[in-house]
Protein backbone atom coordinates (compact mmCIF):
# COMPACT_ATOMS: atom_id res chain seq x y z
CA UNK A 1 67.98 21.39 126.34
CA UNK A 2 67.51 18.84 129.10
CA UNK A 3 64.08 17.30 129.57
CA UNK A 4 62.68 15.44 132.55
CA UNK A 5 60.10 12.66 132.46
CA UNK A 6 58.81 10.85 135.54
CA UNK A 7 56.00 8.32 135.70
CA UNK A 8 54.75 5.06 137.24
CA UNK A 9 53.42 1.93 135.61
CA UNK A 10 51.94 0.24 138.66
CA UNK A 11 50.40 -2.74 136.90
CA UNK A 12 53.78 -4.09 135.86
CA UNK A 13 55.73 -2.98 138.89
CA UNK A 14 57.94 -0.43 137.19
CA UNK A 15 58.94 3.00 138.35
CA UNK A 16 60.63 4.87 135.54
CA UNK A 17 62.62 8.08 135.89
CA UNK A 18 64.34 9.69 132.92
CA UNK A 19 66.54 12.77 133.03
CA UNK A 20 68.47 13.07 129.80
CA UNK A 21 69.55 15.30 126.95
CA UNK A 22 68.12 15.09 123.44
CA UNK A 23 71.68 14.79 122.19
CA UNK A 24 72.48 11.76 124.34
CA UNK A 25 73.66 8.80 122.24
CA UNK A 26 71.96 5.65 123.47
CA UNK A 27 74.59 3.30 122.00
CA UNK A 28 77.36 4.92 124.03
CA UNK A 29 75.70 4.25 127.38
CA UNK A 30 76.80 1.69 129.91
CA UNK A 31 73.98 -0.55 131.13
CA UNK A 32 74.30 -0.60 134.92
CA UNK A 33 72.39 -3.14 137.01
CA UNK A 34 72.10 -1.90 140.57
CA UNK A 35 70.17 -2.25 143.80
CA UNK A 36 70.61 -3.28 147.40
CA UNK A 37 72.46 -6.51 148.18
CA UNK A 38 70.19 -9.55 147.68
CA UNK A 39 67.67 -7.55 145.61
CA UNK A 40 67.86 -9.54 142.37
CA UNK A 41 70.77 -7.84 140.62
CA UNK A 42 72.45 -11.14 139.73
CA UNK A 43 69.19 -12.41 138.24
CA UNK A 44 68.88 -9.27 136.13
CA UNK A 45 72.47 -9.56 134.92
CA UNK A 46 71.80 -13.13 133.80
CA UNK A 47 68.61 -12.01 132.07
CA UNK A 48 70.47 -9.34 130.13
CA UNK A 49 73.23 -11.73 129.07
CA UNK A 50 70.65 -14.32 128.01
CA UNK A 51 68.92 -11.53 126.13
CA UNK A 52 72.06 -10.79 124.15
CA UNK A 53 74.02 -8.11 126.01
CA UNK A 54 77.68 -8.60 126.86
CA UNK A 55 78.38 -8.49 130.59
CA UNK A 56 81.56 -7.08 132.09
CA UNK A 57 82.49 -9.75 134.64
CA UNK A 58 85.47 -11.64 136.02
CA UNK A 59 85.76 -15.11 137.53
CA UNK A 60 86.58 -14.17 141.09
CA UNK A 61 83.16 -14.83 142.61
CA UNK A 62 81.73 -18.16 141.57
CA UNK A 63 78.16 -19.44 141.76
CA UNK A 64 77.20 -20.90 145.14
CA UNK A 65 74.15 -21.87 147.18
CA UNK A 66 73.11 -18.24 147.60
CA UNK A 67 73.35 -17.50 143.87
CA UNK A 68 73.23 -20.80 141.95
CA UNK A 69 73.20 -19.00 138.59
CA UNK A 70 76.25 -16.88 139.39
CA UNK A 71 76.94 -13.36 140.63
CA UNK A 72 77.93 -11.67 137.34
CA UNK A 73 80.32 -9.29 139.11
CA UNK A 74 83.63 -7.61 138.42
CA UNK A 75 85.81 -6.92 141.44
CA UNK A 76 86.92 -3.59 139.99
CA UNK A 77 83.45 -2.19 140.66
CA UNK A 78 84.15 -2.43 144.38
CA UNK A 79 87.12 -0.08 143.94
CA UNK A 80 85.13 2.70 142.25
CA UNK A 81 85.21 4.66 145.50
CA UNK A 82 89.01 4.49 145.36
CA UNK A 83 89.11 5.99 141.87
CA UNK A 84 89.44 2.75 139.88
CA UNK A 85 87.34 3.89 136.90
CA UNK A 86 89.43 3.36 133.76
CA UNK A 87 87.94 -0.06 133.04
CA UNK A 88 84.50 1.53 132.65
CA UNK A 89 85.47 3.28 129.42
CA UNK A 90 85.60 -0.08 127.67
CA UNK A 91 82.17 -1.02 129.06
CA UNK A 92 80.05 1.21 126.81
CA UNK A 93 77.26 -0.82 125.25
CA UNK A 94 77.76 -3.57 127.84
CA UNK A 95 76.15 -4.51 131.17
CA UNK A 96 77.91 -3.94 134.50
CA UNK A 97 76.74 -4.75 138.02
CA UNK A 98 77.33 -1.90 140.47
CA UNK A 99 75.89 -2.02 143.98
CA UNK A 100 73.70 0.98 144.81
CA UNK A 101 76.12 2.33 147.40
CA UNK A 102 78.74 2.80 144.67
CA UNK A 103 76.64 4.56 142.04
CA UNK A 104 77.82 7.96 143.22
CA UNK A 105 81.40 7.07 142.24
CA UNK A 106 80.60 6.50 138.55
CA UNK A 107 82.48 9.08 136.44
CA UNK A 108 80.40 11.98 135.13
CA UNK A 109 81.80 11.88 131.60
CA UNK A 110 80.03 8.61 130.76
CA UNK A 111 76.33 7.92 130.19
CA UNK A 112 74.44 5.25 132.11
CA UNK A 113 71.19 3.36 131.61
CA UNK A 114 70.52 2.01 135.09
CA UNK A 115 68.21 -0.92 135.83
CA UNK A 116 67.60 -0.68 139.56
CA UNK A 117 66.17 -3.75 141.26
CA UNK A 118 63.68 -3.16 144.06
CA UNK A 119 62.77 -5.81 146.61
CA UNK A 120 60.86 -5.72 149.87
CA UNK A 121 63.26 -4.75 152.64
CA UNK A 122 62.10 -7.63 154.83
CA UNK A 123 63.02 -10.07 152.04
CA UNK A 124 66.41 -8.43 151.53
CA UNK A 125 67.15 -8.71 155.25
CA UNK A 126 66.02 -12.35 155.43
CA UNK A 127 68.09 -13.32 152.39
CA UNK A 128 71.14 -11.47 153.66
CA UNK A 129 70.84 -13.07 157.11
CA UNK A 130 70.74 -16.57 155.61
CA UNK A 131 73.76 -15.81 153.44
CA UNK A 132 75.73 -14.56 156.47
CA UNK A 133 74.75 -17.64 158.47
CA UNK A 134 76.00 -19.95 155.73
CA UNK A 135 79.31 -18.09 155.82
CA UNK A 136 79.49 -18.06 159.62
CA UNK A 137 79.40 -14.27 159.61
CA UNK A 138 77.32 -11.83 161.63
CA UNK A 139 76.22 -8.22 161.29
CA UNK A 140 76.84 -5.60 163.95
CA UNK A 141 73.45 -4.02 163.16
CA UNK A 142 69.99 -5.22 164.14
CA UNK A 143 67.40 -5.80 161.43
CA UNK A 144 65.63 -2.63 162.52
CA UNK A 145 68.77 -0.54 162.25
CA UNK A 146 69.62 -2.00 158.88
CA UNK A 147 66.11 -1.39 157.56
CA UNK A 148 66.33 2.28 158.51
CA UNK A 149 69.68 2.59 156.74
CA UNK A 150 68.40 0.83 153.62
CA UNK A 151 65.29 3.01 153.37
CA UNK A 152 67.24 6.23 153.84
CA UNK A 153 69.76 5.11 151.26
CA UNK A 154 67.08 4.25 148.68
CA UNK A 155 65.42 7.65 149.12
CA UNK A 156 68.77 9.34 148.57
CA UNK A 157 69.53 7.26 145.47
CA UNK A 158 66.20 8.11 143.84
CA UNK A 159 66.61 11.80 144.61
CA UNK A 160 70.19 11.92 143.34
CA UNK A 161 69.89 9.84 140.16
CA UNK A 162 66.82 11.75 138.98
CA UNK A 163 68.96 14.88 138.88
CA UNK A 164 71.95 13.42 137.03
CA UNK A 165 71.95 14.50 133.37
CA UNK A 166 74.06 11.49 132.36
CA UNK A 167 71.79 8.87 133.96
CA UNK A 168 68.53 7.25 132.96
CA UNK A 169 67.01 4.87 135.49
CA UNK A 170 64.39 2.16 135.45
CA UNK A 171 63.18 0.75 138.77
CA UNK A 172 62.04 -2.88 138.49
CA UNK A 173 60.33 -4.85 141.26
CA UNK A 174 61.93 -8.22 141.89
CA UNK A 175 58.71 -9.96 142.95
CA UNK A 176 56.86 -8.80 139.87
CA UNK A 177 59.67 -9.96 137.61
CA UNK A 178 59.48 -13.46 139.07
CA UNK A 179 55.70 -13.59 138.87
CA UNK A 180 55.05 -11.98 135.47
CA UNK A 181 58.27 -11.35 133.52
CA UNK A 182 56.94 -10.88 129.99
CA UNK A 183 55.74 -7.28 130.14
CA UNK A 184 58.69 -6.23 132.28
CA UNK A 185 61.16 -7.73 129.81
CA UNK A 186 59.51 -5.81 126.99
CA UNK A 187 59.78 -2.63 129.05
CA UNK A 188 63.48 -3.25 129.64
CA UNK A 189 64.12 -3.75 125.92
CA UNK A 190 62.21 -0.53 125.20
CA UNK A 191 64.12 1.36 127.90
CA UNK A 192 67.50 0.21 126.59
CA UNK A 193 66.42 0.62 122.97
CA UNK A 194 68.25 -2.53 121.92
CA UNK A 195 66.97 -5.81 120.43
CA UNK A 196 66.88 -8.45 123.14
CA UNK A 197 65.89 -12.12 123.13
CA UNK A 198 62.80 -11.73 125.31
CA UNK A 199 62.02 -15.44 125.41
CA UNK A 200 65.48 -16.22 126.77
CA UNK A 201 65.21 -13.41 129.31
CA UNK A 202 61.82 -14.61 130.55
CA UNK A 203 63.20 -18.10 131.18
CA UNK A 204 65.62 -16.82 133.85
CA UNK A 205 63.36 -15.72 136.77
CA UNK A 206 62.65 -18.74 138.94
CA UNK A 207 59.98 -19.30 141.56
CA UNK A 208 62.20 -21.93 143.16
CA UNK A 209 64.95 -19.36 143.74
CA UNK A 210 62.54 -16.85 145.28
CA UNK A 211 63.26 -18.35 148.68
CA UNK A 212 62.65 -15.43 151.04
CA UNK A 213 59.18 -13.98 150.63
CA UNK A 214 57.49 -11.41 152.81
């Protein structure tokens, strides 16, 4: 029988939504780090790897000025919408970065523990604009148009994931993780139900890399 549990822990900046079966095997789940672009997903991937999880990554996108600690990505994730899913079956028990717009293309016959990074939309937009400027690229949308799209997308993601029997999701605020990581790291270890090196995880968030604040 499927059970649903939904609650907030405001003091540590976590929104937790669980929709899972009693028979679900935790060890067979893929740990998915997701969120909007520039929302702290790379930071979370580094935290998990420092904590002891294996990350599914390739070497195609190297660290740069926008992400000095690396992107922790695998290019195959960008082809999920095209049906490139076979590589995921070897990712059980490991961490994978999947942008929020591609979550809907994850196959239904796998289980996912999703850590979803939340960041103020104004900060996401500012960070994204600076990244585009450094790359001499521009967006066809205004900040206002992009903000509307982001907010609508996030509402849809929360509605959809809460109703997926093969997904458990933990929403983590980026700003809170940078400011007070200890309790959040403990919550992540509890959510994943795996032993993690909390001290190593807590050393990753950096005030100096929190460069676009609202």
